[in-house]
């Protein structure tokens, strides 16, 4: 048999003579080689498709993740911007209150919260600043972290400032509450502070207070918070009450028909301490009201604001 051919016998269903088919071996070799090449090409195509498919899935996932990161960072930036605006408003409010209360703020060293608040800046996130899909966001996260640390530092400084301001205003409010500022009695001013002609001698004299005339029994009130340090009866002022308000301020009330307080008693602004009368050296029912500052009599009308 010829070894250069592959001989095939084809048998029919009937009893006819078998057909002989000779196929050269070179054709078979060529067909085998083509089959191998086709298989390799097909395998390469399948692998490449799978790689592209995997890359597409990964890209889609990274794209989605990147979009989520954008949304999170944008929200993060918006919150930082809102906090910066709020801190700026608080800082402005702090300055206004200090101006009204005449309080100087302690200077801060260079680079302190005052300087940080003054610098400010746009905290919005630039779309071009976001990394492409799959890239790390460490740089942006670090910037956000730095901004938050600055805001925390500013907030702490602002809180300290408000505590200081509150302490000062509390002290200020105590001082204001202890400063005479209202009329001690209703009535008519018949004699003011300063030089006048004495109603008893007709000679010039210095009047150390002011006289407020009204009917006997009209209430006399404390014009500020304080402590009663004297309740007595004197030759000139008759029944008299003296209140110490602290800060070197004392007020005196003379010619009272009655007193309703005792030495050592603390009184609030507006509390009744006695009633108008004509005791002592007096031409008629009235209240002698005087204010002294560090032992020196001053014009009481300067301590009446209403």
Foldseek 3Di string as FASTA:
>chain_A
DDPQWDWDWADDPDPDDTDIDTHGVVVVVVVVVVVVVVVVVVVVVVVVVVVVVVVVVLQVVLQVVLVVVVVVLQVLLVVLVVLLVVLLVLVVVLVVLCVVVVHDDDDDPPPALVVVNVVDDRSGDDPVPRDDRPDDCVVSVVVSVVSVVSSVRNVVVSVVSVVVVVVVVVVVVLLVQLFQAAAQFDAAWPAFAAWDQDPVPRHIDGQLETKGADAWFGFGWARHKFFWADFDADQAFGTKTKTDSPQQKIKMKGQFPFADDDGGDIDGHPHTGGTWHHGHPGPTTIITMWMDGNRHTDGCVVRYND
